Amino acid sequence: MVSANREMVVYCFDTLVSHYNSEDSPPPAFDEGHHPLFVTWKKVVNGGEPRLRGCIGTLEARWLINGFKDYALTSALRDRRFPPIQAKELPFLECTVSILTDYETANHYLDWEVGKHGIIIEFTDPDNNTRRSATYLPEVAAQEAWTKTEAIDSLMRKAGYNGTITESLRKRILLTRYQSTLFTMHYSEYLSYVKTTRGVALSIVGAKPGNH
C-alpha cells in the first residue's frame, strides 16, 4: 500500500510555488499509484494553532502525480470557503497530504471511531428531495473535539442541509468510513529540503525576500 510521504508534500509546495512563478514544477520524487487523496493547507500565525486555508480532494482513485498537482492548486486557490492563498502567505503555510484507504460501509451513522475513521455521509434532504453528501477526513472530528453526533450534524451542514436535524433523519444517513495515511510539512521544512536535495535557495515572485 502507498503511504503519504515527504516527497508528496514537497510536490504540492513545488506545484504552488511554480504557479506563482509561472513556471513548470520539478518532476515528483515518488512513484505513481492510484488512490483517493486530499490536500490540506493551513496557516500558522504568531505561533498559534494552524488555521485551515483550504482543503479539497477526491474520494475517487486518481493517479497520484496528477491528483496532487490538481488538488494542491485547487485547495489553495479555489476552496470556496476562503480567498485564494497569495504568494506572500507561503512562509506561514503548512501542507498535509492524505491518501485514503480501507473504505467500508458502516451499519449506521455512529458505526465509526473518532480519530481513526474519516466519514462520508449521503442522505436525502427531506425539504426538497435532493441527494446530499459530504466528507470529513479522519483527523477533523478529533481536532474539533466533537462527539460522533456533533461531527455528523456538522457534516450535514457542510453538505448544504439547512433544515432541522432530527434523530430520524440521522438514522437514514448512509455512512461510509475510511482511514488515511498523512504527512505534514511546514514551508520552512520545505525550504530546507529544497536546499539540501537540490542545492538551490528558492525565490518566489510576489513574496518579500526578507520573509524566509
Protein backbone atom coordinates (compact mmCIF):
# COMPACT_ATOMS: atom_id res chain seq x y z
CA MET A 1 0.00 0.00 0.00
CA VAL A 2 1.21 3.51 -0.79
CA SER A 3 1.55 5.78 2.26
CA ALA A 4 1.58 9.57 2.27
CA ASN A 5 5.19 10.79 2.42
CA ARG A 6 7.50 13.80 2.42
CA GLU A 7 8.02 13.80 -1.36
CA MET A 8 4.27 14.16 -1.96
CA VAL A 9 4.08 17.27 0.25
CA VAL A 10 7.20 18.66 -1.45
CA TYR A 11 5.48 18.17 -4.81
CA CYS A 12 2.42 20.11 -3.57
CA PHE A 13 4.62 23.00 -2.43
CA ASP A 14 6.55 22.79 -5.73
CA THR A 15 3.28 22.98 -7.64
CA LEU A 16 2.07 26.06 -5.74
CA VAL A 17 5.44 27.85 -5.91
CA SER A 18 5.69 27.12 -9.65
CA HIS A 19 2.18 28.54 -10.10
CA TYR A 20 3.23 31.86 -8.52
CA ASN A 21 6.42 31.90 -10.58
CA SER A 22 4.59 30.87 -13.81
CA GLU A 23 6.97 28.00 -14.46
CA ASP A 24 6.79 24.21 -14.63
CA SER A 25 7.19 22.39 -11.33
CA PRO A 26 10.11 19.98 -10.89
CA PRO A 27 9.27 16.31 -11.51
CA PRO A 28 7.91 14.46 -8.46
CA ALA A 29 10.21 12.18 -6.46
CA PHE A 30 7.63 9.47 -5.75
CA ASP A 31 6.17 6.58 -7.70
CA GLU A 32 2.83 6.55 -9.43
CA GLY A 33 -0.09 4.90 -7.70
CA HIS A 34 -3.85 5.06 -7.89
CA HIS A 35 -5.62 6.32 -4.75
CA PRO A 36 -8.20 8.79 -3.44
CA LEU A 37 -6.37 11.78 -1.95
CA PHE A 38 -6.74 15.16 -0.26
CA VAL A 39 -4.50 18.23 0.04
CA THR A 40 -4.93 20.49 3.08
CA TRP A 41 -3.31 23.91 3.52
CA LYS A 42 -3.15 25.56 6.94
CA LYS A 43 -1.69 28.89 8.01
CA VAL A 44 0.31 29.33 11.20
CA VAL A 45 0.20 32.90 12.52
CA ASN A 46 2.17 34.15 15.54
CA GLY A 47 2.89 30.63 16.76
CA GLY A 48 -0.84 29.92 17.22
CA GLU A 49 -2.77 26.82 16.21
CA PRO A 50 -2.63 26.24 12.43
CA ARG A 51 -5.83 27.57 10.83
CA LEU A 52 -7.41 25.96 7.78
CA ARG A 53 -6.74 27.83 4.50
CA GLY A 54 -8.04 25.27 2.03
CA CYS A 55 -8.82 21.56 1.80
CA ILE A 56 -10.04 19.79 -1.33
CA GLY A 57 -9.55 16.29 -2.64
CA THR A 58 -11.27 13.39 -4.30
CA LEU A 59 -12.91 10.25 -2.97
CA GLU A 60 -12.29 8.58 -6.34
CA ALA A 61 -8.93 6.98 -7.04
CA ARG A 62 -6.64 9.24 -9.08
CA TRP A 63 -3.12 8.85 -10.42
CA LEU A 64 -1.22 10.38 -7.50
CA ILE A 65 1.04 12.67 -9.52
CA ASN A 66 -1.83 14.26 -11.46
CA GLY A 67 -4.04 14.22 -8.39
CA PHE A 68 -1.60 16.06 -6.14
CA LYS A 69 -0.82 18.53 -8.90
CA ASP A 70 -4.53 19.31 -9.40
CA TYR A 71 -5.59 19.39 -5.77
CA ALA A 72 -2.56 21.30 -4.47
CA LEU A 73 -3.75 24.21 -6.64
CA THR A 74 -7.49 23.66 -6.28
CA SER A 75 -7.35 23.57 -2.49
CA ALA A 76 -5.00 26.60 -2.34
CA LEU A 77 -6.82 28.78 -4.86
CA ARG A 78 -10.38 27.53 -5.30
CA ASP A 79 -11.76 26.43 -1.92
CA ARG A 80 -14.98 28.48 -1.87
CA ARG A 81 -14.75 28.94 1.92
CA PHE A 82 -11.57 31.05 1.68
CA PRO A 83 -9.93 33.69 -0.53
CA PRO A 84 -7.15 32.27 -2.75
CA ILE A 85 -3.80 31.84 -0.98
CA GLN A 86 -1.34 34.56 -2.02
CA ALA A 87 2.39 34.15 -2.55
CA LYS A 88 3.17 36.33 0.49
CA GLU A 89 1.41 33.76 2.72
CA LEU A 90 3.82 30.94 1.74
CA PRO A 91 6.20 31.38 4.72
CA PHE A 92 3.28 30.74 7.10
CA LEU A 93 1.85 27.69 5.32
CA GLU A 94 1.76 24.07 6.36
CA CYS A 95 0.68 21.40 3.89
CA THR A 96 -0.80 17.98 4.65
CA VAL A 97 -1.34 15.27 2.06
CA SER A 98 -3.76 12.44 2.81
CA ILE A 99 -4.11 9.14 0.98
CA LEU A 100 -7.41 7.42 1.71
CA THR A 101 -7.69 3.66 2.27
CA ASP A 102 -9.94 0.94 3.72
CA TYR A 103 -13.38 2.08 2.60
CA GLU A 104 -16.17 0.27 4.48
CA THR A 105 -19.94 0.72 4.52
CA ALA A 106 -20.99 1.40 8.13
CA ASN A 107 -24.02 -0.24 9.72
CA HIS A 108 -25.42 3.08 10.98
CA TYR A 109 -24.36 6.71 11.44
CA LEU A 110 -22.49 6.02 14.73
CA ASP A 111 -20.57 2.99 13.41
CA TRP A 112 -17.12 4.63 13.29
CA GLU A 113 -14.34 5.80 15.62
CA VAL A 114 -13.30 9.43 16.21
CA GLY A 115 -9.63 9.88 15.28
CA LYS A 116 -9.45 6.61 13.34
CA HIS A 117 -12.05 6.93 10.58
CA GLY A 118 -12.87 9.56 8.02
CA ILE A 119 -16.57 9.58 7.19
CA ILE A 120 -18.63 10.14 4.05
CA ILE A 121 -22.34 10.74 4.57
CA GLU A 122 -25.08 10.56 1.96
CA PHE A 123 -28.71 11.40 2.63
CA THR A 124 -31.83 12.82 1.01
CA ASP A 125 -32.79 16.35 2.04
CA PRO A 126 -36.39 15.99 3.31
CA ASP A 127 -37.21 19.61 2.40
CA ASN A 128 -36.53 19.39 -1.33
CA ASN A 129 -35.68 15.74 -2.01
CA THR A 130 -32.10 16.46 -3.15
CA ARG A 131 -29.30 13.99 -2.54
CA ARG A 132 -26.62 15.50 -0.32
CA SER A 133 -23.17 14.23 0.60
CA ALA A 134 -20.01 15.45 2.33
CA THR A 135 -16.89 14.09 4.00
CA TYR A 136 -14.55 14.82 6.89
CA LEU A 137 -11.03 13.40 6.97
CA PRO A 138 -10.15 11.20 9.99
CA GLU A 139 -8.35 13.97 11.90
CA VAL A 140 -11.17 16.55 11.76
CA ALA A 141 -13.53 15.28 14.47
CA ALA A 142 -10.61 14.67 16.85
CA GLN A 143 -9.12 18.13 16.26
CA GLU A 144 -12.50 19.77 16.87
CA ALA A 145 -13.11 17.57 19.96
CA TRP A 146 -16.51 16.61 18.60
CA THR A 147 -18.67 13.69 19.65
CA LYS A 148 -19.76 11.44 16.79
CA THR A 149 -23.20 13.08 16.71
CA GLU A 150 -21.68 16.59 16.64
CA ALA A 151 -19.46 15.54 13.75
CA ILE A 152 -22.45 14.10 11.85
CA ASP A 153 -24.53 17.24 12.42
CA SER A 154 -21.67 19.49 11.30
CA LEU A 155 -21.18 17.32 8.21
CA MET A 156 -24.88 17.59 7.33
CA ARG A 157 -24.49 21.39 7.40
CA LYS A 158 -21.34 21.10 5.27
CA ALA A 159 -23.39 19.07 2.78
CA GLY A 160 -25.72 22.06 2.45
CA TYR A 161 -28.65 20.94 4.61
CA ASN A 162 -30.21 23.89 6.45
CA GLY A 163 -33.31 22.27 7.95
CA THR A 164 -33.86 20.78 11.39
CA ILE A 165 -31.61 17.82 12.18
CA THR A 166 -33.67 15.06 13.79
CA GLU A 167 -32.70 11.63 15.04
CA SER A 168 -34.88 10.01 12.38
CA LEU A 169 -33.01 11.94 9.66
CA ARG A 170 -29.64 10.90 11.13
CA LYS A 171 -30.79 7.28 11.06
CA ARG A 172 -31.44 7.50 7.32
CA ILE A 173 -27.85 8.51 6.58
CA LEU A 174 -25.74 6.12 4.52
CA LEU A 175 -22.28 6.33 6.08
CA THR A 176 -19.03 5.12 4.56
CA ARG A 177 -15.97 5.11 6.79
CA TYR A 178 -12.35 5.10 5.67
CA GLN A 179 -8.83 5.50 7.03
CA SER A 180 -5.90 7.53 5.78
CA THR A 181 -2.18 7.99 5.96
CA LEU A 182 -0.98 11.57 6.06
CA PHE A 183 2.18 13.62 6.03
CA THR A 184 2.52 17.26 7.11
CA MET A 185 5.31 19.70 6.41
CA HIS A 186 5.77 23.42 7.12
CA TYR A 187 7.10 25.77 4.43
CA SER A 188 10.36 26.23 6.38
CA GLU A 189 10.96 22.44 6.24
CA TYR A 190 10.19 22.51 2.53
CA LEU A 191 12.82 25.23 2.00
CA SER A 192 15.40 23.15 3.90
CA TYR A 193 14.51 20.08 1.82
CA VAL A 194 14.91 22.01 -1.45
CA LYS A 195 18.25 23.46 -0.34
CA THR A 196 19.57 20.05 0.79
CA THR A 197 18.36 17.92 -2.12
CA ARG A 198 18.63 20.42 -5.00
CA GLY A 199 21.30 22.78 -3.73
CA VAL A 200 19.22 25.87 -4.52
CA ALA A 201 17.52 28.56 -2.50
CA LEU A 202 14.01 29.37 -3.68
CA SER A 203 12.88 32.78 -4.77
CA ILE A 204 9.19 33.49 -5.14
CA VAL A 205 7.61 36.11 -7.35
CA GLY A 206 5.41 38.27 -5.14
CA ALA A 207 6.94 37.19 -1.83
CA LYS A 208 9.29 39.54 0.01
CA PRO A 209 12.81 38.08 0.25
CA GLY A 210 13.06 39.10 3.93
CA ASN A 211 10.26 36.75 4.91
CA HIS A 212 12.04 33.43 4.75
